[in-house]
N, C-alpha and C. Protein backbone atom coordinates (compact mmCIF):
# COMPACT_ATOMS: atom_id res chain seq x y z
N UNK A 1 -29.19 9.82 12.90
CA UNK A 1 -29.02 8.69 13.80
C UNK A 1 -27.54 8.40 13.95
N UNK A 2 -27.08 8.23 15.15
CA UNK A 2 -25.69 7.83 15.36
C UNK A 2 -25.53 6.37 15.00
N UNK A 3 -24.36 6.02 14.53
CA UNK A 3 -24.11 4.65 14.09
C UNK A 3 -24.08 3.70 15.29
N UNK A 4 -24.85 2.60 15.23
CA UNK A 4 -24.79 1.62 16.30
C UNK A 4 -23.40 1.01 16.39
N UNK A 5 -22.98 0.71 17.59
CA UNK A 5 -21.63 0.18 17.80
C UNK A 5 -21.55 -1.33 17.56
N UNK A 6 -22.64 -2.03 17.75
CA UNK A 6 -22.60 -3.49 17.71
C UNK A 6 -23.28 -4.05 16.46
N UNK A 7 -22.57 -4.03 15.36
CA UNK A 7 -23.09 -4.58 14.12
C UNK A 7 -22.86 -6.09 14.10
N UNK A 8 -23.84 -6.83 13.56
CA UNK A 8 -23.76 -8.29 13.51
C UNK A 8 -23.97 -8.76 12.08
N UNK A 9 -23.18 -9.75 11.69
CA UNK A 9 -23.33 -10.37 10.37
C UNK A 9 -23.91 -11.77 10.52
N UNK A 10 -24.62 -12.17 9.52
CA UNK A 10 -25.16 -13.52 9.50
C UNK A 10 -24.04 -14.54 9.36
N UNK A 11 -24.25 -15.70 9.94
CA UNK A 11 -23.29 -16.79 9.76
C UNK A 11 -23.36 -17.33 8.34
N UNK A 12 -24.35 -16.91 7.55
CA UNK A 12 -24.51 -17.32 6.16
C UNK A 12 -23.91 -16.29 5.20
N UNK A 13 -23.01 -15.45 5.66
CA UNK A 13 -22.53 -14.34 4.85
C UNK A 13 -21.53 -14.72 3.78
N UNK A 14 -21.29 -15.98 3.58
CA UNK A 14 -20.43 -16.41 2.49
C UNK A 14 -19.00 -16.65 2.91
N UNK A 15 -18.24 -17.18 1.99
CA UNK A 15 -16.84 -17.50 2.26
C UNK A 15 -15.95 -16.28 2.18
N UNK A 16 -14.67 -16.53 2.15
CA UNK A 16 -13.71 -15.43 2.06
C UNK A 16 -13.76 -14.56 3.29
N UNK A 17 -13.87 -13.27 3.09
CA UNK A 17 -13.90 -12.33 4.20
C UNK A 17 -15.29 -12.14 4.78
N UNK A 18 -16.29 -12.81 4.21
CA UNK A 18 -17.65 -12.69 4.71
C UNK A 18 -18.28 -11.34 4.47
N UNK A 19 -17.89 -10.68 3.39
CA UNK A 19 -18.40 -9.34 3.12
C UNK A 19 -19.60 -9.31 2.20
N UNK A 20 -20.12 -10.47 1.82
CA UNK A 20 -21.26 -10.50 0.90
C UNK A 20 -22.57 -10.58 1.67
N UNK A 21 -22.84 -9.59 2.48
CA UNK A 21 -24.04 -9.65 3.30
C UNK A 21 -24.43 -8.26 3.77
N UNK A 22 -25.47 -8.25 4.55
CA UNK A 22 -25.84 -7.03 5.27
C UNK A 22 -25.49 -7.24 6.73
N UNK A 23 -25.39 -6.15 7.44
CA UNK A 23 -25.15 -6.19 8.87
C UNK A 23 -26.34 -5.55 9.56
N UNK A 24 -26.67 -6.02 10.74
CA UNK A 24 -27.77 -5.46 11.50
C UNK A 24 -27.30 -5.06 12.89
N UNK A 25 -27.97 -4.08 13.46
CA UNK A 25 -27.68 -3.64 14.82
C UNK A 25 -28.98 -3.21 15.48
N UNK A 26 -29.12 -3.53 16.74
CA UNK A 26 -30.32 -3.11 17.48
C UNK A 26 -30.09 -1.70 17.99
N UNK A 27 -30.99 -0.82 17.63
CA UNK A 27 -30.94 0.56 18.07
C UNK A 27 -32.35 0.90 18.56
N UNK A 28 -32.63 0.52 19.80
CA UNK A 28 -33.97 0.61 20.37
C UNK A 28 -34.64 1.94 20.05
N UNK A 29 -35.83 1.94 19.53
CA UNK A 29 -36.75 0.83 19.28
C UNK A 29 -36.72 0.35 17.83
N UNK A 30 -35.61 0.54 17.14
CA UNK A 30 -35.52 0.19 15.73
C UNK A 30 -34.37 -0.78 15.47
N UNK A 31 -34.35 -1.35 14.27
CA UNK A 31 -33.26 -2.20 13.81
C UNK A 31 -32.58 -1.46 12.66
N UNK A 32 -31.27 -1.33 12.73
CA UNK A 32 -30.50 -0.67 11.67
C UNK A 32 -29.89 -1.74 10.77
N UNK A 33 -29.85 -1.45 9.47
CA UNK A 33 -29.32 -2.38 8.47
C UNK A 33 -28.38 -1.60 7.57
N UNK A 34 -27.22 -2.20 7.27
CA UNK A 34 -26.27 -1.56 6.34
C UNK A 34 -25.60 -2.62 5.48
N UNK A 35 -25.03 -2.18 4.38
CA UNK A 35 -24.29 -3.05 3.46
C UNK A 35 -22.90 -3.26 4.02
N UNK A 36 -22.50 -4.51 4.20
CA UNK A 36 -21.18 -4.78 4.78
C UNK A 36 -20.04 -4.36 3.86
N UNK A 37 -20.31 -4.25 2.54
CA UNK A 37 -19.27 -3.83 1.60
C UNK A 37 -19.06 -2.32 1.62
N UNK A 38 -20.03 -1.58 2.16
CA UNK A 38 -19.95 -0.12 2.18
C UNK A 38 -20.52 0.40 3.50
N UNK A 39 -19.90 0.08 4.63
CA UNK A 39 -20.47 0.42 5.93
C UNK A 39 -20.58 1.91 6.21
N UNK A 40 -19.82 2.74 5.52
CA UNK A 40 -19.88 4.18 5.75
C UNK A 40 -21.05 4.84 5.01
N UNK A 41 -21.68 4.10 4.12
CA UNK A 41 -22.79 4.66 3.36
C UNK A 41 -24.07 4.62 4.17
N UNK A 42 -25.17 4.89 3.55
CA UNK A 42 -26.47 5.02 4.21
C UNK A 42 -26.85 3.77 5.01
N UNK A 43 -27.52 4.02 6.11
CA UNK A 43 -28.06 2.96 6.97
C UNK A 43 -29.57 3.06 6.93
N UNK A 44 -30.23 1.92 6.76
CA UNK A 44 -31.68 1.88 6.81
C UNK A 44 -32.11 1.48 8.22
N UNK A 45 -33.22 2.01 8.68
CA UNK A 45 -33.75 1.58 9.97
C UNK A 45 -35.21 1.18 9.81
N UNK A 46 -35.60 0.20 10.61
CA UNK A 46 -36.96 -0.33 10.57
C UNK A 46 -37.47 -0.49 12.00
N UNK A 47 -38.78 -0.31 12.21
CA UNK A 47 -39.32 -0.61 13.53
C UNK A 47 -39.07 -2.09 13.84
N UNK A 48 -38.73 -2.40 15.06
CA UNK A 48 -38.41 -3.77 15.43
C UNK A 48 -39.50 -4.77 15.06
N UNK A 49 -40.79 -4.50 15.31
CA UNK A 49 -41.82 -5.48 14.92
C UNK A 49 -41.85 -5.75 13.41
N UNK A 50 -41.64 -4.72 12.61
CA UNK A 50 -41.63 -4.89 11.15
C UNK A 50 -40.45 -5.74 10.71
N UNK A 51 -39.29 -5.52 11.32
CA UNK A 51 -38.10 -6.30 10.96
C UNK A 51 -38.28 -7.76 11.38
N UNK A 52 -38.86 -7.99 12.56
CA UNK A 52 -39.11 -9.36 13.01
C UNK A 52 -40.08 -10.09 12.09
N UNK A 53 -41.11 -9.38 11.60
CA UNK A 53 -42.04 -9.98 10.64
C UNK A 53 -41.33 -10.33 9.34
N UNK A 54 -40.44 -9.46 8.89
CA UNK A 54 -39.64 -9.70 7.68
C UNK A 54 -38.80 -10.97 7.86
N UNK A 55 -38.11 -11.10 9.00
CA UNK A 55 -37.29 -12.28 9.25
C UNK A 55 -38.14 -13.55 9.31
N UNK A 56 -39.30 -13.48 9.93
CA UNK A 56 -40.20 -14.64 10.00
C UNK A 56 -40.61 -15.09 8.61
N UNK A 57 -40.92 -14.12 7.75
CA UNK A 57 -41.30 -14.45 6.37
C UNK A 57 -40.14 -15.10 5.63
N UNK A 58 -38.93 -14.58 5.81
CA UNK A 58 -37.76 -15.19 5.17
C UNK A 58 -37.56 -16.62 5.63
N UNK A 59 -37.66 -16.85 6.92
CA UNK A 59 -37.46 -18.19 7.47
C UNK A 59 -38.49 -19.16 6.93
N UNK A 60 -39.73 -18.69 6.81
CA UNK A 60 -40.80 -19.54 6.29
C UNK A 60 -40.55 -19.88 4.83
N UNK A 61 -40.13 -18.90 4.05
CA UNK A 61 -39.94 -19.12 2.62
C UNK A 61 -38.69 -19.96 2.32
N UNK A 62 -37.72 -19.99 3.25
CA UNK A 62 -36.53 -20.80 3.02
C UNK A 62 -36.58 -22.14 3.74
N UNK A 63 -37.65 -22.39 4.47
CA UNK A 63 -37.81 -23.67 5.14
C UNK A 63 -37.04 -23.84 6.43
N UNK A 64 -36.58 -22.76 7.04
CA UNK A 64 -35.85 -22.88 8.31
C UNK A 64 -36.80 -22.97 9.46
């Protein structure tokens, strides 16, 4: 898979340089995820519906 060009970090990625998080990018029909501290390393990809379900579960469990 070629690396997506438009990586996005959460606004909750912490203080300082904001490197304590993961980054996501939409790569139709999948979502790519990588570690912001090691962007050149492996990238995980998930089907978009599965990633959306994961996010919904996180939001529910954190009360957002």
